[in-house]
Amino acid sequence: MDFALRLKELRLAAGMTQAKLAGLADMDPSAIAHLEGGKRKPSFHNIRKLAKALNITTDVLLNQNEPIMAFRNVQDLSDDDKETVQSIINTLASKPKT
């Protein structure tokens, strides 16, 4: 899997639009479109900003073998169900730790 596809899959798994990711990464939305379209290669600086915005490590963003979602039977879920699960995970992860 190349960087363009990896970025898009991670963005979608996080439930973000290109515009939302661009805002969180302090980048232009057109830059995200170019990266996902394979028209532009990311700088290391942008890789770091994208990873931070996606709340992942740069290793996850760059590692083709790293699973995006580590759940059994995830392939059996619809895209809507995957987004729902990711939303629940994001909500739980953002709760204050007690």
PDB file of N, CA and C in Angstrom:
ATOM      1  N   MET A   1       0.848  -1.175   0.000  1.00  0.00           N
ATOM      2  CA  MET A   1       0.000   0.000   0.000  1.00  0.00           C
ATOM      3  C   MET A   1       0.894   1.239   0.000  1.00  0.00           C
ATOM      4  N   ASP A   2       0.586   2.190  -0.836  1.00  0.00           N
ATOM      5  CA  ASP A   2       1.403   3.391  -0.886  1.00  0.00           C
ATOM      6  C   ASP A   2       0.900   4.439   0.109  1.00  0.00           C
ATOM      7  N   PHE A   3       1.683   5.498   0.267  1.00  0.00           N
ATOM      8  CA  PHE A   3       1.356   6.519   1.249  1.00  0.00           C
ATOM      9  C   PHE A   3      -0.016   7.143   0.986  1.00  0.00           C
ATOM     10  N   ALA A   4      -0.333   7.428  -0.265  1.00  0.00           N
ATOM     11  CA  ALA A   4      -1.594   8.084  -0.610  1.00  0.00           C
ATOM     12  C   ALA A   4      -2.789   7.277  -0.107  1.00  0.00           C
ATOM     13  N   LEU A   5      -2.783   5.994  -0.384  1.00  0.00           N
ATOM     14  CA  LEU A   5      -3.881   5.133   0.042  1.00  0.00           C
ATOM     15  C   LEU A   5      -3.902   4.982   1.555  1.00  0.00           C
ATOM     16  N   ARG A   6      -2.735   4.859   2.143  1.00  0.00           N
ATOM     17  CA  ARG A   6      -2.636   4.717   3.601  1.00  0.00           C
ATOM     18  C   ARG A   6      -3.230   5.934   4.300  1.00  0.00           C
ATOM     19  N   LEU A   7      -2.848   7.135   3.823  1.00  0.00           N
ATOM     20  CA  LEU A   7      -3.360   8.362   4.422  1.00  0.00           C
ATOM     21  C   LEU A   7      -4.879   8.416   4.321  1.00  0.00           C
ATOM     22  N   LYS A   8      -5.404   8.102   3.155  1.00  0.00           N
ATOM     23  CA  LYS A   8      -6.860   8.152   2.960  1.00  0.00           C
ATOM     24  C   LYS A   8      -7.566   7.160   3.880  1.00  0.00           C
ATOM     25  N   GLU A   9      -7.058   5.942   3.965  1.00  0.00           N
ATOM     26  CA  GLU A   9      -7.690   4.934   4.826  1.00  0.00           C
ATOM     27  C   GLU A   9      -7.656   5.343   6.295  1.00  0.00           C
ATOM     28  N   LEU A  10      -6.535   5.891   6.730  1.00  0.00           N
ATOM     29  CA  LEU A  10      -6.430   6.329   8.124  1.00  0.00           C
ATOM     30  C   LEU A  10      -7.354   7.517   8.393  1.00  0.00           C
ATOM     31  N   ARG A  11      -7.453   8.428   7.435  1.00  0.00           N
ATOM     32  CA  ARG A  11      -8.346   9.585   7.589  1.00  0.00           C
ATOM     33  C   ARG A  11      -9.792   9.116   7.690  1.00  0.00           C
ATOM     34  N   LEU A  12     -10.190   8.224   6.805  1.00  0.00           N
ATOM     35  CA  LEU A  12     -11.560   7.712   6.828  1.00  0.00           C
ATOM     36  C   LEU A  12     -11.835   6.920   8.100  1.00  0.00           C
ATOM     37  N   ALA A  13     -10.853   6.138   8.541  1.00  0.00           N
ATOM     38  CA  ALA A  13     -11.006   5.366   9.778  1.00  0.00           C
ATOM     39  C   ALA A  13     -11.194   6.284  10.978  1.00  0.00           C
ATOM     40  N   ALA A  14     -10.614   7.486  10.901  1.00  0.00           N
ATOM     41  CA  ALA A  14     -10.762   8.466  11.973  1.00  0.00           C
ATOM     42  C   ALA A  14     -12.051   9.265  11.822  1.00  0.00           C
ATOM     43  N   GLY A  15     -12.799   9.010  10.751  1.00  0.00           N
ATOM     44  CA  GLY A  15     -14.061   9.703  10.533  1.00  0.00           C
ATOM     45  C   GLY A  15     -13.895  11.155  10.130  1.00  0.00           C
ATOM     46  N   MET A  16     -12.807  11.467   9.437  1.00  0.00           N
ATOM     47  CA  MET A  16     -12.525  12.847   9.057  1.00  0.00           C
ATOM     48  C   MET A  16     -12.688  13.076   7.561  1.00  0.00           C
ATOM     49  N   THR A  17     -13.093  14.293   7.234  1.00  0.00           N
ATOM     50  CA  THR A  17     -13.060  14.734   5.845  1.00  0.00           C
ATOM     51  C   THR A  17     -11.655  15.257   5.562  1.00  0.00           C
ATOM     52  N   GLN A  18     -11.354  15.475   4.287  1.00  0.00           N
ATOM     53  CA  GLN A  18     -10.066  16.074   3.945  1.00  0.00           C
ATOM     54  C   GLN A  18      -9.947  17.451   4.573  1.00  0.00           C
ATOM     55  N   ALA A  19     -11.028  18.223   4.569  1.00  0.00           N
ATOM     56  CA  ALA A  19     -11.008  19.573   5.144  1.00  0.00           C
ATOM     57  C   ALA A  19     -10.743  19.529   6.648  1.00  0.00           C
ATOM     58  N   LYS A  20     -11.359  18.575   7.341  1.00  0.00           N
ATOM     59  CA  LYS A  20     -11.159  18.445   8.794  1.00  0.00           C
ATOM     60  C   LYS A  20      -9.703  18.095   9.097  1.00  0.00           C
ATOM     61  N   LEU A  21      -9.159  17.124   8.370  1.00  0.00           N
ATOM     62  CA  LEU A  21      -7.764  16.745   8.575  1.00  0.00           C
ATOM     63  C   LEU A  21      -6.841  17.918   8.278  1.00  0.00           C
ATOM     64  N   ALA A  22      -7.123  18.628   7.201  1.00  0.00           N
ATOM     65  CA  ALA A  22      -6.301  19.779   6.839  1.00  0.00           C
ATOM     66  C   ALA A  22      -6.297  20.811   7.960  1.00  0.00           C
ATOM     67  N   GLY A  23      -7.459  21.080   8.524  1.00  0.00           N
ATOM     68  CA  GLY A  23      -7.546  22.047   9.617  1.00  0.00           C
ATOM     69  C   GLY A  23      -6.753  21.613  10.835  1.00  0.00           C
ATOM     70  N   LEU A  24      -6.878  20.340  11.208  1.00  0.00           N
ATOM     71  CA  LEU A  24      -6.163  19.830  12.377  1.00  0.00           C
ATOM     72  C   LEU A  24      -4.656  19.781  12.160  1.00  0.00           C
ATOM     73  N   ALA A  25      -4.253  19.577  10.903  1.00  0.00           N
ATOM     74  CA  ALA A  25      -2.826  19.479  10.578  1.00  0.00           C
ATOM     75  C   ALA A  25      -2.240  20.828  10.162  1.00  0.00           C
ATOM     76  N   ASP A  26      -3.060  21.868  10.175  1.00  0.00           N
ATOM     77  CA  ASP A  26      -2.631  23.198   9.753  1.00  0.00           C
ATOM     78  C   ASP A  26      -2.057  23.165   8.335  1.00  0.00           C
ATOM     79  N   MET A  27      -2.835  22.546   7.443  1.00  0.00           N
ATOM     80  CA  MET A  27      -2.452  22.429   6.043  1.00  0.00           C
ATOM     81  C   MET A  27      -3.634  22.865   5.186  1.00  0.00           C
ATOM     82  N   ASP A  28      -3.389  23.164   3.934  1.00  0.00           N
ATOM     83  CA  ASP A  28      -4.466  23.487   3.009  1.00  0.00           C
ATOM     84  C   ASP A  28      -5.208  22.208   2.614  1.00  0.00           C
ATOM     85  N   PRO A  29      -6.531  22.274   2.480  1.00  0.00           N
ATOM     86  CA  PRO A  29      -7.274  21.088   2.030  1.00  0.00           C
ATOM     87  C   PRO A  29      -6.769  20.555   0.691  1.00  0.00           C
ATOM     88  N   SER A  30      -6.313  21.444  -0.180  1.00  0.00           N
ATOM     89  CA  SER A  30      -5.799  20.982  -1.476  1.00  0.00           C
ATOM     90  C   SER A  30      -4.539  20.134  -1.300  1.00  0.00           C
ATOM     91  N   ALA A  31      -3.761  20.411  -0.253  1.00  0.00           N
ATOM     92  CA  ALA A  31      -2.556  19.619   0.011  1.00  0.00           C
ATOM     93  C   ALA A  31      -2.939  18.189   0.382  1.00  0.00           C
ATOM     94  N   ILE A  32      -3.998  18.043   1.175  1.00  0.00           N
ATOM     95  CA  ILE A  32      -4.461  16.702   1.544  1.00  0.00           C
ATOM     96  C   ILE A  32      -4.941  15.965   0.296  1.00  0.00           C
ATOM     97  N   ALA A  33      -5.691  16.664  -0.553  1.00  0.00           N
ATOM     98  CA  ALA A  33      -6.180  16.049  -1.798  1.00  0.00           C
ATOM     99  C   ALA A  33      -5.018  15.618  -2.681  1.00  0.00           C
ATOM    100  N   HIS A  34      -3.984  16.442  -2.773  1.00  0.00           N
ATOM    101  CA  HIS A  34      -2.819  16.092  -3.588  1.00  0.00           C
ATOM    102  C   HIS A  34      -2.072  14.890  -3.006  1.00  0.00           C
ATOM    103  N   LEU A  35      -1.939  14.848  -1.681  1.00  0.00           N
ATOM    104  CA  LEU A  35      -1.261  13.721  -1.042  1.00  0.00           C
ATOM    105  C   LEU A  35      -2.046  12.429  -1.247  1.00  0.00           C
ATOM    106  N   GLU A  36      -3.368  12.492  -1.039  1.00  0.00           N
ATOM    107  CA  GLU A  36      -4.192  11.295  -1.199  1.00  0.00           C
ATOM    108  C   GLU A  36      -4.300  10.871  -2.657  1.00  0.00           C
ATOM    109  N   GLY A  37      -4.165  11.810  -3.555  1.00  0.00           N
ATOM    110  CA  GLY A  37      -4.224  11.492  -4.977  1.00  0.00           C
ATOM    111  C   GLY A  37      -2.897  11.033  -5.539  1.00  0.00           C
ATOM    112  N   GLY A  38      -1.864  11.041  -4.708  1.00  0.00           N
ATOM    113  CA  GLY A  38      -0.542  10.616  -5.149  1.00  0.00           C
ATOM    114  C   GLY A  38       0.158  11.633  -6.033  1.00  0.00           C
ATOM    115  N   LYS A  39      -0.355  12.847  -6.062  1.00  0.00           N
ATOM    116  CA  LYS A  39       0.239  13.893  -6.896  1.00  0.00           C
ATOM    117  C   LYS A  39       1.408  14.585  -6.209  1.00  0.00           C
ATOM    118  N   ARG A  40       1.502  14.406  -4.906  1.00  0.00           N
ATOM    119  CA  ARG A  40       2.549  15.054  -4.121  1.00  0.00           C
ATOM    120  C   ARG A  40       3.051  14.078  -3.071  1.00  0.00           C
ATOM    121  N   LYS A  41       4.344  14.114  -2.810  1.00  0.00           N
ATOM    122  CA  LYS A  41       4.936  13.313  -1.740  1.00  0.00           C
ATOM    123  C   LYS A  41       5.057  14.192  -0.497  1.00  0.00           C
ATOM    124  N   PRO A  42       4.803  13.637   0.678  1.00  0.00           N
ATOM    125  CA  PRO A  42       4.834  14.451   1.895  1.00  0.00           C
ATOM    126  C   PRO A  42       6.256  14.735   2.369  1.00  0.00           C
ATOM    127  N   SER A  43       6.438  15.898   2.924  1.00  0.00           N
ATOM    128  CA  SER A  43       7.700  16.196   3.602  1.00  0.00           C
ATOM    129  C   SER A  43       7.653  15.528   4.978  1.00  0.00           C
ATOM    130  N   PHE A  44       8.799  15.394   5.626  1.00  0.00           N
ATOM    131  CA  PHE A  44       8.812  14.809   6.961  1.00  0.00           C
ATOM    132  C   PHE A  44       8.000  15.689   7.912  1.00  0.00           C
ATOM    133  N   HIS A  45       8.109  17.004   7.745  1.00  0.00           N
ATOM    134  CA  HIS A  45       7.363  17.942   8.581  1.00  0.00           C
ATOM    135  C   HIS A  45       5.849  17.676   8.453  1.00  0.00           C
ATOM    136  N   ASN A  46       5.376  17.493   7.221  1.00  0.00           N
ATOM    137  CA  ASN A  46       3.951  17.237   7.010  1.00  0.00           C
ATOM    138  C   ASN A  46       3.537  15.855   7.511  1.00  0.00           C
ATOM    139  N   ILE A  47       4.422  14.883   7.412  1.00  0.00           N
ATOM    140  CA  ILE A  47       4.119  13.556   7.964  1.00  0.00           C
ATOM    141  C   ILE A  47       3.881  13.669   9.462  1.00  0.00           C
ATOM    142  N   ARG A  48       4.717  14.422  10.136  1.00  0.00           N
ATOM    143  CA  ARG A  48       4.557  14.617  11.579  1.00  0.00           C
ATOM    144  C   ARG A  48       3.246  15.326  11.904  1.00  0.00           C
ATOM    145  N   LYS A  49       2.904  16.366  11.135  1.00  0.00           N
ATOM    146  CA  LYS A  49       1.661  17.101  11.372  1.00  0.00           C
ATOM    147  C   LYS A  49       0.438  16.216  11.111  1.00  0.00           C
ATOM    148  N   LEU A  50       0.493  15.420  10.054  1.00  0.00           N
ATOM    149  CA  LEU A  50      -0.622  14.530   9.743  1.00  0.00           C
ATOM    150  C   LEU A  50      -0.803  13.462  10.824  1.00  0.00           C
ATOM    151  N   ALA A  51       0.302  12.878  11.268  1.00  0.00           N
ATOM    152  CA  ALA A  51       0.223  11.856  12.316  1.00  0.00           C
ATOM    153  C   ALA A  51      -0.370  12.446  13.591  1.00  0.00           C
ATOM    154  N   LYS A  52       0.068  13.640  13.947  1.00  0.00           N
ATOM    155  CA  LYS A  52      -0.462  14.286  15.154  1.00  0.00           C
ATOM    156  C   LYS A  52      -1.950  14.555  15.005  1.00  0.00           C
ATOM    157  N   ALA A  53      -2.371  15.056  13.846  1.00  0.00           N
ATOM    158  CA  ALA A  53      -3.783  15.350  13.604  1.00  0.00           C
ATOM    159  C   ALA A  53      -4.635  14.081  13.635  1.00  0.00           C
ATOM    160  N   LEU A  54      -4.071  12.966  13.186  1.00  0.00           N
ATOM    161  CA  LEU A  54      -4.786  11.684  13.185  1.00  0.00           C
ATOM    162  C   LEU A  54      -4.657  10.950  14.511  1.00  0.00           C
ATOM    163  N   ASN A  55      -3.873  11.519  15.430  1.00  0.00           N
ATOM    164  CA  ASN A  55      -3.642  10.922  16.748  1.00  0.00           C
ATOM    165  C   ASN A  55      -3.013   9.534  16.635  1.00  0.00           C
ATOM    166  N   ILE A  56      -2.003   9.448  15.754  1.00  0.00           N
ATOM    167  CA  ILE A  56      -1.249   8.214  15.552  1.00  0.00           C
ATOM    168  C   ILE A  56       0.231   8.561  15.508  1.00  0.00           C
ATOM    169  N   THR A  57       1.079   7.570  15.491  1.00  0.00           N
ATOM    170  CA  THR A  57       2.510   7.821  15.355  1.00  0.00           C
ATOM    171  C   THR A  57       2.869   7.898  13.872  1.00  0.00           C
ATOM    172  N   THR A  58       4.013   8.482  13.599  1.00  0.00           N
ATOM    173  CA  THR A  58       4.480   8.525  12.213  1.00  0.00           C
ATOM    174  C   THR A  58       4.744   7.111  11.707  1.00  0.00           C
ATOM    175  N   ASP A  59       5.147   6.214  12.597  1.00  0.00           N
ATOM    176  CA  ASP A  59       5.369   4.825  12.200  1.00  0.00           C
ATOM    177  C   ASP A  59       4.095   4.191  11.652  1.00  0.00           C
ATOM    178  N   VAL A  60       2.979   4.454  12.313  1.00  0.00           N
ATOM    179  CA  VAL A  60       1.707   3.902  11.844  1.00  0.00           C
ATOM    180  C   VAL A  60       1.365   4.486  10.480  1.00  0.00           C
ATOM    181  N   LEU A  61       1.575   5.782  10.313  1.00  0.00           N
ATOM    182  CA  LEU A  61       1.263   6.428   9.041  1.00  0.00           C
ATOM    183  C   LEU A  61       2.135   5.891   7.912  1.00  0.00           C
ATOM    184  N   LEU A  62       3.380   5.579   8.205  1.00  0.00           N
ATOM    185  CA  LEU A  62       4.313   5.147   7.165  1.00  0.00           C
ATOM    186  C   LEU A  62       4.405   3.630   6.998  1.00  0.00           C
ATOM    187  N   ASN A  63       4.030   2.883   8.021  1.00  0.00           N
ATOM    188  CA  ASN A  63       4.188   1.426   7.995  1.00  0.00           C
ATOM    189  C   ASN A  63       3.041   0.768   7.249  1.00  0.00           C
ATOM    190  N   GLN A  64       3.357   0.159   6.134  1.00  0.00           N
ATOM    191  CA  GLN A  64       2.340  -0.481   5.305  1.00  0.00           C
ATOM    192  C   GLN A  64       1.773  -1.735   5.946  1.00  0.00           C
ATOM    193  N   ASN A  65       2.503  -2.326   6.861  1.00  0.00           N
ATOM    194  CA  ASN A  65       2.051  -3.588   7.457  1.00  0.00           C
ATOM    195  C   ASN A  65       1.278  -3.387   8.742  1.00  0.00           C
ATOM    196  N   GLU A  66       1.215  -2.162   9.224  1.00  0.00           N
ATOM    197  CA  GLU A  66       0.500  -1.870  10.467  1.00  0.00           C
ATOM    198  C   GLU A  66      -1.003  -1.910  10.204  1.00  0.00           C
ATOM    199  N   PRO A  67      -1.755  -2.710  10.942  1.00  0.00           N
ATOM    200  CA  PRO A  67      -3.200  -2.739  10.713  1.00  0.00           C
ATOM    201  C   PRO A  67      -3.845  -1.415  11.121  1.00  0.00           C
ATOM    202  N   ILE A  68      -4.844  -1.011  10.371  1.00  0.00           N
ATOM    203  CA  ILE A  68      -5.552   0.226  10.681  1.00  0.00           C
ATOM    204  C   ILE A  68      -6.519  -0.012  11.832  1.00  0.00           C
ATOM    205  N   MET A  69      -7.249  -1.096  11.785  1.00  0.00           N
ATOM    206  CA  MET A  69      -8.156  -1.453  12.865  1.00  0.00           C
ATOM    207  C   MET A  69      -7.848  -2.890  13.251  1.00  0.00           C
ATOM    208  N   ALA A  70      -7.618  -3.127  14.511  1.00  0.00           N
ATOM    209  CA  ALA A  70      -7.226  -4.458  14.957  1.00  0.00           C
ATOM    210  C   ALA A  70      -8.394  -5.172  15.640  1.00  0.00           C
ATOM    211  N   PHE A  71      -9.448  -5.386  14.896  1.00  0.00           N
ATOM    212  CA  PHE A  71     -10.602  -6.082  15.422  1.00  0.00           C
ATOM    213  C   PHE A  71     -10.889  -7.296  14.558  1.00  0.00           C
ATOM    214  N   ARG A  72     -11.280  -8.369  15.190  1.00  0.00           N
ATOM    215  CA  ARG A  72     -11.681  -9.545  14.429  1.00  0.00           C
ATOM    216  C   ARG A  72     -12.948  -9.230  13.649  1.00  0.00           C
ATOM    217  N   ASN A  73     -13.037  -9.765  12.466  1.00  0.00           N
ATOM    218  CA  ASN A  73     -14.220  -9.665  11.609  1.00  0.00           C
ATOM    219  C   ASN A  73     -14.522  -8.247  11.131  1.00  0.00           C
ATOM    220  N   VAL A  74     -13.559  -7.337  11.222  1.00  0.00           N
ATOM    221  CA  VAL A  74     -13.802  -5.970  10.772  1.00  0.00           C
ATOM    222  C   VAL A  74     -14.171  -5.942   9.293  1.00  0.00           C
ATOM    223  N   GLN A  75     -13.659  -6.882   8.536  1.00  0.00           N
ATOM    224  CA  GLN A  75     -13.966  -6.931   7.105  1.00  0.00           C
ATOM    225  C   GLN A  75     -15.444  -7.212   6.849  1.00  0.00           C
ATOM    226  N   ASP A  76     -16.156  -7.728   7.844  1.00  0.00           N
ATOM    227  CA  ASP A  76     -17.574  -8.032   7.682  1.00  0.00           C
ATOM    228  C   ASP A  76     -18.479  -6.835   7.965  1.00  0.00           C
ATOM    229  N   LEU A  77     -17.900  -5.742   8.455  1.00  0.00           N
ATOM    230  CA  LEU A  77     -18.691  -4.555   8.765  1.00  0.00           C
ATOM    231  C   LEU A  77     -18.843  -3.667   7.538  1.00  0.00           C
ATOM    232  N   SER A  78     -19.963  -2.973   7.478  1.00  0.00           N
ATOM    233  CA  SER A  78     -20.152  -1.985   6.414  1.00  0.00           C
ATOM    234  C   SER A  78     -19.291  -0.765   6.735  1.00  0.00           C
ATOM    235  N   ASP A  79     -19.082   0.093   5.760  1.00  0.00           N
ATOM    236  CA  ASP A  79     -18.311   1.313   5.996  1.00  0.00           C
ATOM    237  C   ASP A  79     -18.978   2.174   7.062  1.00  0.00           C
ATOM    238  N   ASP A  80     -20.301   2.242   7.053  1.00  0.00           N
ATOM    239  CA  ASP A  80     -21.026   3.007   8.076  1.00  0.00           C
ATOM    240  C   ASP A  80     -20.786   2.437   9.470  1.00  0.00           C
ATOM    241  N   ASP A  81     -20.814   1.107   9.574  1.00  0.00           N
ATOM    242  CA  ASP A  81     -20.568   0.472  10.870  1.00  0.00           C
ATOM    243  C   ASP A  81     -19.138   0.719  11.346  1.00  0.00           C
ATOM    244  N   LYS A  82     -18.171   0.682  10.432  1.00  0.00           N
ATOM    245  CA  LYS A  82     -16.781   0.970  10.793  1.00  0.00           C
ATOM    246  C   LYS A  82     -16.657   2.390  11.324  1.00  0.00           C
ATOM    247  N   GLU A  83     -17.333   3.329  10.680  1.00  0.00           N
ATOM    248  CA  GLU A  83     -17.295   4.722  11.138  1.00  0.00           C
ATOM    249  C   GLU A  83     -17.940   4.852  12.517  1.00  0.00           C
ATOM    250  N   THR A  84     -19.017   4.115  12.758  1.00  0.00           N
ATOM    251  CA  THR A  84     -19.674   4.147  14.060  1.00  0.00           C
ATOM    252  C   THR A  84     -18.751   3.619  15.146  1.00  0.00           C
ATOM    253  N   VAL A  85     -18.099   2.498  14.879  1.00  0.00           N
ATOM    254  CA  VAL A  85     -17.162   1.922  15.841  1.00  0.00           C
ATOM    255  C   VAL A  85     -16.020   2.903  16.116  1.00  0.00           C
ATOM    256  N   GLN A  86     -15.472   3.517  15.061  1.00  0.00           N
ATOM    257  CA  GLN A  86     -14.375   4.461  15.247  1.00  0.00           C
ATOM    258  C   GLN A  86     -14.832   5.664  16.062  1.00  0.00           C
ATOM    259  N   SER A  87     -16.051   6.115  15.839  1.00  0.00           N
ATOM    260  CA  SER A  87     -16.594   7.237  16.599  1.00  0.00           C
ATOM    261  C   SER A  87     -16.706   6.891  18.080  1.00  0.00           C
ATOM    262  N   ILE A  88     -17.150   5.681  18.369  1.00  0.00           N
ATOM    263  CA  ILE A  88     -17.244   5.230  19.764  1.00  0.00           C
ATOM    264  C   ILE A  88     -15.858   5.183  20.394  1.00  0.00           C
ATOM    265  N   ILE A  89     -14.885   4.660  19.667  1.00  0.00           N
ATOM    266  CA  ILE A  89     -13.513   4.592  20.176  1.00  0.00           C
ATOM    267  C   ILE A  89     -12.988   6.000  20.441  1.00  0.00           C
ATOM    268  N   ASN A  90     -13.209   6.915  19.500  1.00  0.00           N
ATOM    269  CA  ASN A  90     -12.746   8.292  19.684  1.00  0.00           C
ATOM    270  C   ASN A  90     -13.376   8.929  20.910  1.00  0.00           C
ATOM    271  N   THR A  91     -14.672   8.683  21.129  1.00  0.00           N
ATOM    272  CA  THR A  91     -15.365   9.233  22.292  1.00  0.00           C
ATOM    273  C   THR A  91     -14.782   8.673  23.582  1.00  0.00           C
ATOM    274  N   LEU A  92     -14.592   7.362  23.628  1.00  0.00           N
ATOM    275  CA  LEU A  92     -14.032   6.744  24.832  1.00  0.00           C
ATOM    276  C   LEU A  92     -12.598   7.205  25.082  1.00  0.00           C
ATOM    277  N   ALA A  93     -11.812   7.330  24.022  1.00  0.00           N
ATOM    278  CA  ALA A  93     -10.408   7.736  24.181  1.00  0.00           C
ATOM    279  C   ALA A  93     -10.282   9.177  24.653  1.00  0.00           C
ATOM    280  N   SER A  94     -11.283   9.997  24.370  1.00  0.00           N
ATOM    281  CA  SER A  94     -11.196  11.406  24.761  1.00  0.00           C
ATOM    282  C   SER A  94     -11.749  11.672  26.162  1.00  0.00           C
ATOM    283  N   LYS A  95     -12.359  10.647  26.777  1.00  0.00           N
ATOM    284  CA  LYS A  95     -12.888  10.809  28.139  1.00  0.00           C
ATOM    285  C   LYS A  95     -11.737  10.971  29.129  1.00  0.00           C
ATOM    286  N   PRO A  96     -11.932  11.789  30.147  1.00  0.00           N
ATOM    287  CA  PRO A  96     -10.895  11.902  31.177  1.00  0.00           C
ATOM    288  C   PRO A  96     -10.643  10.560  31.845  1.00  0.00           C
ATOM    289  N   LYS A  97      -9.390  10.276  32.090  1.00  0.00           N
ATOM    290  CA  LYS A  97      -9.022   9.008  32.733  1.00  0.00           C
ATOM    291  C   LYS A  97      -9.241   9.145  34.241  1.00  0.00           C
ATOM    292  N   THR A  98      -9.848   8.111  34.816  1.00  0.00           N
ATOM    293  CA  THR A  98     -10.109   8.156  36.268  1.00  0.00           C
ATOM    294  C   THR A  98      -9.261   7.157  36.999  1.00  0.00           C
TER     295      THR A  98
END
